[in-house]
Protein backbone atom coordinates (compact mmCIF):
# COMPACT_ATOMS: atom_id res chain seq x y z
CA MET A 1 11.18 -29.22 -3.28
CA SER A 2 11.06 -25.95 -5.95
CA GLU A 3 7.56 -24.53 -4.77
CA LYS A 4 8.77 -24.23 -1.25
CA LEU A 5 11.51 -22.49 -2.28
CA ILE A 6 8.88 -19.49 -1.52
CA CYS A 7 10.77 -16.57 -2.09
CA LYS A 8 13.86 -15.50 -5.36
CA ASN A 9 16.92 -15.52 -2.76
CA LEU A 10 16.42 -18.91 -2.22
CA GLY A 11 18.18 -21.82 -3.44
CA ILE A 12 19.69 -25.16 -3.38
CA ASN A 13 22.96 -25.92 -3.87
CA GLU A 14 25.39 -28.82 -5.32
CA LYS A 15 25.46 -30.37 -1.82
CA GLY A 16 22.02 -30.37 -1.51
CA HIS A 17 21.66 -28.03 1.31
CA LEU A 18 19.58 -25.22 1.61
CA THR A 19 21.10 -21.62 0.68
CA LEU A 20 19.92 -17.78 1.39
CA ALA A 21 21.29 -15.27 -0.70
CA GLY A 22 23.44 -18.03 -2.19
CA VAL A 23 24.96 -18.56 1.12
CA ASP A 24 25.20 -22.22 2.21
CA THR A 25 22.64 -22.44 4.88
CA VAL A 26 23.67 -25.05 6.64
CA SER A 27 28.21 -23.88 6.88
CA MET A 28 25.87 -20.62 8.69
CA ALA A 29 24.65 -23.64 11.61
CA GLU A 30 28.04 -24.92 11.42
CA LYS A 31 30.07 -21.63 12.14
CA TYR A 32 27.80 -20.02 14.39
CA GLY A 33 25.28 -22.28 16.37
CA THR A 34 22.04 -23.03 16.25
CA PRO A 35 19.78 -21.31 16.38
CA LEU A 36 20.52 -18.75 13.71
CA TYR A 37 18.06 -15.80 12.93
CA LEU A 38 20.31 -15.67 9.06
CA LEU A 39 19.42 -12.26 6.40
CA ASP A 40 19.57 -11.12 3.23
CA GLU A 41 20.42 -7.29 3.70
CA ASN A 42 20.82 -7.10 -0.13
CA LEU A 43 17.02 -8.07 0.07
CA ILE A 44 16.15 -5.34 2.15
CA ARG A 45 17.45 -2.54 0.53
CA GLU A 46 15.62 -3.52 -2.68
CA ARG A 47 12.56 -4.05 -1.08
CA CYS A 48 13.53 -0.15 1.07
CA ARG A 49 14.50 1.25 -3.27
CA LEU A 50 11.28 -0.66 -4.34
CA TYR A 51 9.00 1.12 -1.69
CA ILE A 52 10.82 4.49 -2.25
CA SER A 53 10.95 4.32 -5.89
CA SER A 54 7.12 2.45 -6.30
CA MET A 55 4.97 5.76 -3.89
CA LYS A 56 6.80 8.38 -5.25
CA LYS A 57 5.26 7.62 -8.97
CA HIS A 58 2.33 7.00 -7.39
CA PHE A 59 1.71 8.81 -4.96
CA GLY A 60 4.20 12.06 -6.05
CA GLU A 61 7.37 12.77 -4.81
CA ASN A 62 6.98 14.31 -0.60
CA SER A 63 5.35 10.78 0.05
CA ALA A 64 7.26 8.05 2.01
CA PRO A 65 7.92 4.93 2.82
CA LEU A 66 7.93 4.57 7.09
CA TYR A 67 9.89 1.26 7.96
CA ALA A 68 7.87 -0.19 11.04
CA SER A 69 10.25 -0.79 14.00
CA LYS A 70 8.26 -2.56 15.62
CA ALA A 71 9.20 -6.04 12.87
CA LEU A 72 13.09 -5.71 13.19
CA SER A 73 14.92 -3.51 15.64
CA PHE A 74 17.95 -3.67 16.38
CA ALA A 75 20.80 -1.01 15.68
CA TYR A 76 22.22 -1.75 12.42
CA ILE A 77 18.19 -2.41 10.99
CA TYR A 78 18.37 1.59 11.10
CA LYS A 79 22.23 2.17 9.48
CA ILE A 80 20.68 0.26 6.78
CA MET A 81 17.52 2.67 6.47
CA LEU A 82 19.40 5.39 7.05
CA GLU A 83 21.53 4.83 3.74
CA GLU A 84 18.67 3.73 2.32
CA GLY A 85 16.74 7.62 2.36
CA MET A 86 13.97 5.61 4.02
CA GLY A 87 12.22 7.27 7.58
CA ILE A 88 11.20 5.52 10.37
CA ASP A 89 8.48 4.94 13.00
CA VAL A 90 9.00 3.59 16.61
CA VAL A 91 6.81 2.60 19.47
CA SER A 92 8.86 3.41 22.26
CA SER A 93 11.41 5.17 23.23
CA GLY A 94 14.03 1.89 23.46
CA GLU A 95 13.35 1.53 19.43
CA LEU A 96 14.24 5.67 19.25
CA TYR A 97 16.82 5.28 21.36
CA THR A 98 18.79 2.08 19.47
CA ALA A 99 17.87 4.13 15.82
CA MET A 100 19.58 7.30 17.45
CA LYS A 101 22.19 4.99 18.89
CA ALA A 102 22.82 3.85 15.37
CA GLY A 103 23.16 7.49 13.62
CA PHE A 104 19.20 7.86 13.05
CA PRO A 105 17.74 11.15 13.62
CA ALA A 106 15.05 11.95 16.04
CA SER A 107 14.13 14.77 12.91
CA LYS A 108 12.96 11.67 10.69
CA ALA A 109 10.81 10.03 12.97
CA TYR A 110 7.20 9.56 13.96
CA PHE A 111 6.18 8.17 16.85
CA HIS A 112 3.68 5.78 17.47
CA GLY A 113 1.41 4.13 20.56
CA ASN A 114 -1.37 3.96 22.33
CA ASN A 115 -0.17 4.77 25.01
CA LYS A 116 3.13 6.94 25.30
CA THR A 117 4.24 7.62 29.09
CA ASP A 118 4.77 11.04 30.16
CA THR A 119 9.10 9.34 29.83
CA ASP A 120 8.25 8.08 25.99
CA ILE A 121 6.72 11.94 25.49
CA TRP A 122 9.79 14.04 26.67
CA PHE A 123 12.16 12.07 25.67
CA ALA A 124 11.02 11.85 22.26
CA MET A 125 10.15 15.77 22.41
CA ASP A 126 13.75 17.05 23.95
CA ASN A 127 14.86 14.80 20.72
CA GLY A 128 13.56 16.59 18.51
CA ILE A 129 10.98 13.66 17.52
CA SER A 130 9.71 14.74 13.72
CA PHE A 131 5.97 13.85 14.24
CA PHE A 132 3.73 12.15 17.35
CA VAL A 133 0.66 9.48 15.71
CA VAL A 134 -0.72 11.00 18.79
CA ASP A 135 -3.66 8.28 19.92
CA ASN A 136 -6.09 10.29 22.53
CA GLU A 137 -7.15 13.05 24.10
CA GLU A 138 -5.73 12.64 27.10
CA GLU A 139 -2.62 12.07 25.24
CA LEU A 140 -3.04 15.80 22.92
CA SER A 141 -2.85 17.23 26.31
CA VAL A 142 -0.32 15.97 27.54
CA ILE A 143 2.25 16.78 24.84
CA ASP A 144 0.07 20.31 24.61
CA THR A 145 2.21 20.84 28.22
CA ALA A 146 4.68 19.14 27.53
CA ALA A 147 5.30 21.14 23.79
CA LYS A 148 4.57 24.58 25.98
CA GLU A 149 7.18 23.85 28.93
CA ARG A 150 9.91 23.64 26.31
CA GLY A 151 8.54 26.84 24.03
CA ILE A 152 8.19 24.62 20.63
CA LYS A 153 5.80 24.18 18.05
CA GLN A 154 5.34 20.22 18.05
CA LYS A 155 4.02 18.18 15.07
CA ILE A 156 1.08 15.51 15.11
CA LEU A 157 -1.23 13.72 13.14
CA LEU A 158 -4.69 11.59 15.02
CA ARG A 159 -4.80 8.18 14.88
CA ILE A 160 -7.97 7.45 12.92
CA THR A 161 -10.00 3.83 13.22
CA PRO A 162 -11.89 3.44 10.24
CA GLY A 163 -13.84 0.23 11.40
CA ILE A 164 -12.83 -1.85 7.69
CA ASP A 165 -12.40 -5.50 8.43
CA PRO A 166 -9.54 -6.75 6.56
CA HIS A 167 -10.64 -10.65 6.56
CA THR A 168 -6.73 -11.65 8.42
CA PHE A 169 -5.84 -12.65 11.82
CA LYS A 170 -8.20 -11.22 14.40
CA ALA A 171 -5.07 -10.78 17.10
CA VAL A 172 -3.62 -8.88 14.33
CA VAL A 173 -6.50 -6.33 12.84
CA THR A 174 -6.27 -2.73 14.39
CA GLY A 175 -8.43 -0.93 11.99
CA ASN A 176 -11.81 -1.45 13.12
CA VAL A 177 -14.31 0.46 15.05
CA ASP A 178 -13.68 -1.82 18.84
CA SER A 179 -10.34 -1.04 19.37
CA LYS A 180 -7.23 0.00 21.31
CA PHE A 181 -5.49 2.57 18.83
CA GLY A 182 -7.26 5.73 18.01
CA ALA A 183 -10.35 7.30 17.56
CA ALA A 184 -13.69 5.96 15.05
CA VAL A 185 -15.20 8.24 12.62
CA GLU A 186 -17.84 5.83 13.38
CA THR A 187 -18.68 6.80 16.60
CA SER A 188 -18.27 10.68 15.98
CA GLN A 189 -14.53 10.75 18.11
CA ALA A 190 -12.39 11.20 15.09
CA PHE A 191 -13.91 14.54 14.44
CA ASP A 192 -14.25 15.36 17.64
CA ILE A 193 -9.97 14.54 18.41
CA THR A 194 -9.44 17.22 15.67
CA LYS A 195 -11.96 19.75 16.42
CA LEU A 196 -10.02 19.49 19.62
CA ALA A 197 -6.21 19.66 18.42
CA LEU A 198 -6.86 22.83 16.37
CA THR A 199 -7.48 24.43 19.80
CA LYS A 200 -3.88 23.16 20.65
CA GLU A 201 -1.64 26.42 20.65
CA ASN A 202 1.51 24.46 21.09
CA LEU A 203 0.04 22.00 19.01
CA ILE A 204 0.71 22.06 14.45
CA LEU A 205 -2.17 19.40 12.77
CA GLU A 206 -0.70 18.20 10.07
CA GLY A 207 -3.13 15.53 9.28
CA PHE A 208 -4.36 12.06 9.99
CA HIS A 209 -3.15 8.40 10.46
CA CYS A 210 -4.38 5.17 9.99
CA HIS A 211 -4.14 1.57 10.03
CA ILE A 212 -6.11 -1.77 9.18
CA GLY A 213 -4.43 -4.55 10.01
CA SER A 214 -1.74 -7.22 8.99
CA GLN A 215 -0.92 -9.26 6.88
CA ILE A 216 -3.41 -8.16 3.98
CA PHE A 217 -3.27 -9.29 0.43
CA GLU A 218 -5.99 -7.75 -1.68
CA LYS A 219 -6.24 -3.96 -2.20
CA GLU A 220 -9.53 -3.51 -1.90
CA PRO A 221 -8.94 -3.89 1.74
CA PHE A 222 -7.27 -0.51 1.72
CA CYS A 223 -9.08 1.06 -0.78
CA ASP A 224 -12.32 0.70 1.74
CA ALA A 225 -10.63 2.60 4.34
CA ALA A 226 -9.48 4.86 1.88
CA ASP A 227 -12.79 5.96 0.62
CA ILE A 228 -13.81 6.11 5.04
CA MET A 229 -10.76 8.16 5.18
CA LEU A 230 -11.14 10.64 2.37
CA LYS A 231 -14.74 11.04 2.90
CA PHE A 232 -13.75 12.16 7.03
CA LEU A 233 -11.01 14.39 5.26
CA SER A 234 -13.28 16.27 3.30
CA ASP A 235 -16.14 16.49 6.24
CA VAL A 236 -13.16 18.19 8.02
CA LYS A 237 -11.91 20.81 5.61
CA ILE A 238 -16.12 21.32 5.08
CA GLN A 239 -16.68 21.73 8.76
CA LEU A 240 -13.59 22.91 10.25
CA GLY A 241 -11.49 24.68 7.35
CA PHE A 242 -9.06 22.42 7.62
CA GLU A 243 -6.96 20.96 4.79
CA THR A 244 -5.23 17.84 5.46
CA LYS A 245 -1.60 18.00 4.19
CA VAL A 246 -0.67 14.68 5.01
CA LEU A 247 -2.47 10.73 5.56
CA ASN A 248 -0.32 7.71 6.86
CA LEU A 249 -2.20 4.94 5.36
CA GLY A 250 -0.05 2.81 7.75
CA GLY A 251 1.30 -0.96 6.93
CA GLY A 252 0.15 -4.41 6.78
CA ILE A 253 0.81 -5.46 2.91
CA GLY A 254 0.38 -9.16 3.58
CA VAL A 255 4.08 -11.44 3.04
CA ARG A 256 4.52 -14.85 1.25
CA TYR A 257 5.02 -17.29 4.45
CA THR A 258 3.96 -20.64 2.71
CA PRO A 259 3.57 -22.11 -1.41
CA GLU A 260 -0.22 -21.02 -0.69
CA GLN A 261 -0.57 -18.20 -0.20
CA PRO A 262 -0.04 -15.26 -3.37
CA GLU A 263 3.34 -13.35 -4.00
CA ILE A 264 2.83 -9.64 -4.06
CA ASP A 265 3.92 -7.29 -6.80
CA TYR A 266 4.37 -4.16 -4.83
CA ASP A 267 4.18 -2.15 -7.26
CA ALA A 268 1.59 -2.78 -9.21
CA TYR A 269 -0.29 -3.25 -5.59
CA LEU A 270 0.73 0.83 -5.00
CA GLY A 271 -0.59 1.92 -7.90
CA GLU A 272 -3.87 0.36 -8.11
CA ILE A 273 -4.53 2.36 -4.85
CA SER A 274 -3.07 5.19 -5.42
CA THR A 275 -5.56 5.50 -8.75
CA HIS A 276 -7.96 4.52 -5.89
CA ILE A 277 -7.11 7.62 -3.24
CA ARG A 278 -6.21 9.81 -6.49
CA HIS A 279 -10.01 9.08 -8.05
CA LEU A 280 -11.08 9.97 -3.97
CA CYS A 281 -9.56 13.27 -3.69
CA ASP A 282 -11.27 14.19 -7.29
CA LYS A 283 -14.71 13.18 -6.23
CA HIS A 284 -14.08 15.52 -2.51
CA ASN A 285 -12.35 18.26 -4.23
CA ILE A 286 -9.86 18.23 -2.10
CA LYS A 287 -5.77 18.00 -2.24
CA LEU A 288 -4.24 14.91 -2.35
CA PRO A 289 -2.08 14.82 0.57
CA GLN A 290 1.44 14.00 1.16
CA VAL A 291 1.51 10.16 1.64
CA LEU A 292 2.68 8.16 3.89
CA MET A 293 2.82 3.79 4.65
CA GLU A 294 4.86 1.70 7.24
CA PRO A 295 6.31 -1.30 5.58
CA GLY A 296 7.54 -3.26 7.69
CA ARG A 297 6.87 -6.75 7.48
CA SER A 298 7.19 -6.50 3.84
CA ILE A 299 10.70 -4.87 3.78
CA VAL A 300 12.12 -7.54 5.93
CA ALA A 301 9.91 -10.40 6.64
CA ASP A 302 11.12 -12.87 3.83
CA SER A 303 15.01 -11.31 3.63
CA GLY A 304 15.37 -13.93 7.08
CA LEU A 305 15.39 -17.66 7.90
CA THR A 306 15.59 -19.31 11.19
CA LEU A 307 18.20 -22.70 11.58
CA TYR A 308 17.76 -24.62 14.45
CA THR A 309 19.24 -28.08 15.43
CA ALA A 310 16.46 -31.03 15.65
CA GLY A 311 16.62 -32.85 18.73
CA SER A 312 15.24 -35.69 19.71
CA VAL A 313 12.63 -37.19 17.22
CA LYS A 314 9.61 -38.60 18.86
CA HIS A 315 6.85 -40.61 16.72
CA ILE A 316 3.70 -42.14 18.56
CA THR A 317 1.83 -45.17 17.07
CA GLY A 318 -0.99 -44.28 15.62
CA TYR A 319 -1.12 -40.90 16.14
CA LYS A 320 1.87 -38.85 14.66
CA SER A 321 4.70 -37.95 14.68
CA TYR A 322 6.97 -34.86 16.71
CA VAL A 323 10.40 -33.61 15.71
CA SER A 324 11.65 -31.11 19.04
CA VAL A 325 14.08 -27.68 18.01
CA ASP A 326 17.20 -26.42 19.42
CA GLY A 327 14.30 -23.05 20.20
CA GLY A 328 10.68 -22.46 19.66
CA MET A 329 8.43 -20.07 21.35
CA THR A 330 11.55 -17.86 23.05
CA ASP A 331 12.76 -16.92 18.95
CA ASN A 332 9.62 -17.11 17.29
CA PRO A 333 6.32 -17.23 19.37
CA ARG A 334 4.27 -16.19 16.49
CA TYR A 335 2.60 -19.83 16.04
CA ALA A 336 2.03 -20.20 19.75
CA LEU A 337 0.31 -16.15 19.31
CA TYR A 338 -2.02 -16.81 16.15
CA GLN A 339 -1.44 -20.25 14.69
CA SER A 340 0.85 -18.40 12.19
CA PRO A 341 1.75 -20.64 9.25
CA TYR A 342 5.56 -21.40 8.07
CA THR A 343 7.41 -23.17 5.11
CA VAL A 344 9.71 -25.74 6.95
CA ILE A 345 13.02 -27.39 5.33
CA VAL A 346 15.38 -30.19 6.50
CA ALA A 347 18.39 -27.78 4.48
CA ASN A 348 21.33 -30.50 4.99
CA LYS A 349 18.43 -32.59 3.01
CA ALA A 350 16.70 -30.03 0.63
CA ASP A 351 16.78 -31.56 -2.42
CA MET A 352 15.37 -34.90 -0.74
CA PRO A 353 12.18 -35.63 -1.12
CA GLU A 354 9.72 -34.92 1.85
CA THR A 355 8.45 -38.11 3.71
CA LEU A 356 8.34 -37.01 7.11
CA LYS A 357 5.02 -35.69 8.24
CA CYS A 358 5.59 -34.23 11.64
CA THR A 359 5.44 -31.31 13.95
CA ILE A 360 7.52 -29.03 14.57
CA ALA A 361 8.30 -28.98 18.87
CA GLY A 362 10.43 -25.89 20.44
CA ARG A 363 12.37 -27.19 23.72
CA CYS A 364 10.60 -24.47 26.28
CA CYS A 365 8.55 -26.25 29.05
CA GLU A 366 5.64 -25.72 27.06
CA SER A 367 2.72 -27.88 25.47
CA GLY A 368 2.00 -24.83 22.98
CA ASP A 369 5.60 -24.29 22.61
CA LEU A 370 5.27 -25.37 18.75
CA ILE A 371 7.26 -23.33 15.21
CA GLN A 372 4.23 -25.66 12.76
CA GLU A 373 2.19 -28.84 13.15
CA ASP A 374 1.59 -31.59 10.46
CA VAL A 375 4.37 -30.40 7.82
CA ALA A 376 5.78 -32.72 5.16
CA ILE A 377 9.57 -33.09 5.95
CA GLN A 378 12.75 -34.69 4.27
CA ASP A 379 13.41 -37.88 6.72
CA VAL A 380 15.19 -36.09 9.80
CA LYS A 381 17.44 -36.99 12.14
CA ARG A 382 19.89 -35.92 15.67
CA GLY A 383 21.45 -33.32 14.51
CA ASN A 384 20.19 -32.21 11.20
CA ILE A 385 19.45 -28.66 10.29
CA ILE A 386 16.30 -27.43 10.16
CA ALA A 387 15.69 -24.15 9.07
CA VAL A 388 12.30 -22.25 8.94
CA LEU A 389 11.59 -19.51 6.52
CA THR A 390 9.86 -16.34 6.63
CA THR A 391 11.02 -15.43 9.51
CA GLY A 392 13.25 -12.03 9.43
CA ALA A 393 10.09 -10.50 11.02
CA TYR A 394 8.13 -10.04 14.31
CA ASN A 395 10.98 -12.94 15.51
CA TYR A 396 13.93 -11.30 17.42
CA SER A 397 11.80 -8.16 17.06
CA MET A 398 9.42 -10.47 19.91
CA ALA A 399 12.15 -13.18 21.37
CA SER A 400 12.51 -13.32 24.97
CA ASN A 401 14.74 -15.27 27.68
CA TYR A 402 11.70 -18.15 28.82
CA ASN A 403 13.36 -21.02 30.18
CA ARG A 404 16.64 -18.80 30.67
CA LEU A 405 17.14 -18.91 26.66
CA PRO A 406 19.87 -16.85 25.84
CA LYS A 407 18.62 -14.83 21.85
CA PRO A 408 20.42 -16.73 18.79
CA PRO A 409 22.80 -13.84 16.87
CA ILE A 410 21.36 -12.01 13.66
CA VAL A 411 23.56 -13.13 10.74
CA MET A 412 23.59 -10.12 8.11
CA LEU A 413 24.78 -11.65 4.87
CA ARG A 414 25.63 -8.94 2.27
CA ASP A 415 26.75 -9.89 -1.33
CA GLY A 416 28.15 -13.83 -0.19
CA VAL A 417 30.24 -12.16 3.07
CA ASP A 418 28.36 -13.12 6.48
CA LYS A 419 28.59 -10.48 9.23
CA THR A 420 27.50 -10.66 13.17
CA ALA A 421 24.82 -7.48 13.75
CA VAL A 422 23.68 -8.69 17.29
CA GLU A 423 25.75 -11.14 19.31
CA ARG A 424 24.34 -14.78 20.56
CA GLU A 425 23.35 -14.15 24.16
CA THR A 426 25.26 -15.65 26.59
CA TYR A 427 24.13 -17.09 30.16
CA ASN A 428 25.53 -13.90 31.75
CA ASP A 429 24.01 -11.49 29.49
CA VAL A 430 20.43 -13.52 30.45
CA MET A 431 21.45 -12.51 34.62
CA LYS A 432 22.69 -9.18 34.00
CA ASN A 433 20.32 -7.59 36.06
CA ASP A 434 20.12 -9.92 38.51
CA ILE A 435 20.66 -8.73 42.37
CA LEU A 436 22.58 -11.70 44.34
């Protein structure tokens, strides 16, 4: 059983119950009901501090991590980011609005996205956004015009696709040439948009951004991307006379979802990437730019788990067994989308042997509504509490009301104290915008 405790904040108490951050998960299910998102606030803060200190150590004092809001966006998370000294990136006006309502200033936010609407651009600019990460030439012109209308000079980065395959899920690969994101180096469109950006009177080009994908455990894809990006920075300097001040390497560092996946030493990981980048700067005779990165998943994923109550247990003779839970693709669509691996534990029997091989099925009226297939868990009965680990990222943020199911609450655990950060939706919440 110990091999399934894949993060240091997990344990088993004297009752044989699974604990998160030292708190009995079964007692949390009894107190708040299920489905339930639990988050270890101490671990989130620890990761923020680790990224800040490691980046300063390896890339210089002006380097900075930006929390990738898309991983998990709700008001309290931005309060944590503000208190811990993190920047943020946002990909919608909704994320930016949520951050500002929590007191996070737009002046510390970077606005991403491949299709920022005019309304997005105006909203962000009127609230003093720090940077736009510009995706394409049309967007470049719209931002330039909006800045002119407001009498300001808007800082921007350009999103570049280096053409790297990080050997991860195709659905979450974003750095290839054939991508909806950014301008490709290989096709010369990256150089063309850079040349155009330098002609815009109301924009200040500070540098470039790239993002090659998600769940990357090896450092080599980041180093390969750096090879291409630093060569591009050199070419831009030589041919256009522009010296890059900012290089944003994006996010995508992997997180452990199952015992088979490696545990990453993030400080050592960043150190190796830094050594490679510094070598490239020397090779190309360019100054080390301000380096930014965008950790999201690796900040919040393993801080969280989701608790469900088991319903029907169905054994199909000669085939397989199904254990149904009171949640599913509405609170965790990642298996349906990507066949994402997860570790599953019967929380109230965490110290018992795993004698049942089964598929964990959600309650939605879809045959593809599964949480995990063919996993070994403890013998489970109706009413038992099932924990799915490492659900802090891309679960709540991708949740829906399909089948008119209310979204679960988020409960934060800090120093042994539990606190609701997002309340459980009610049926009235689900239909509050309906008009009869």
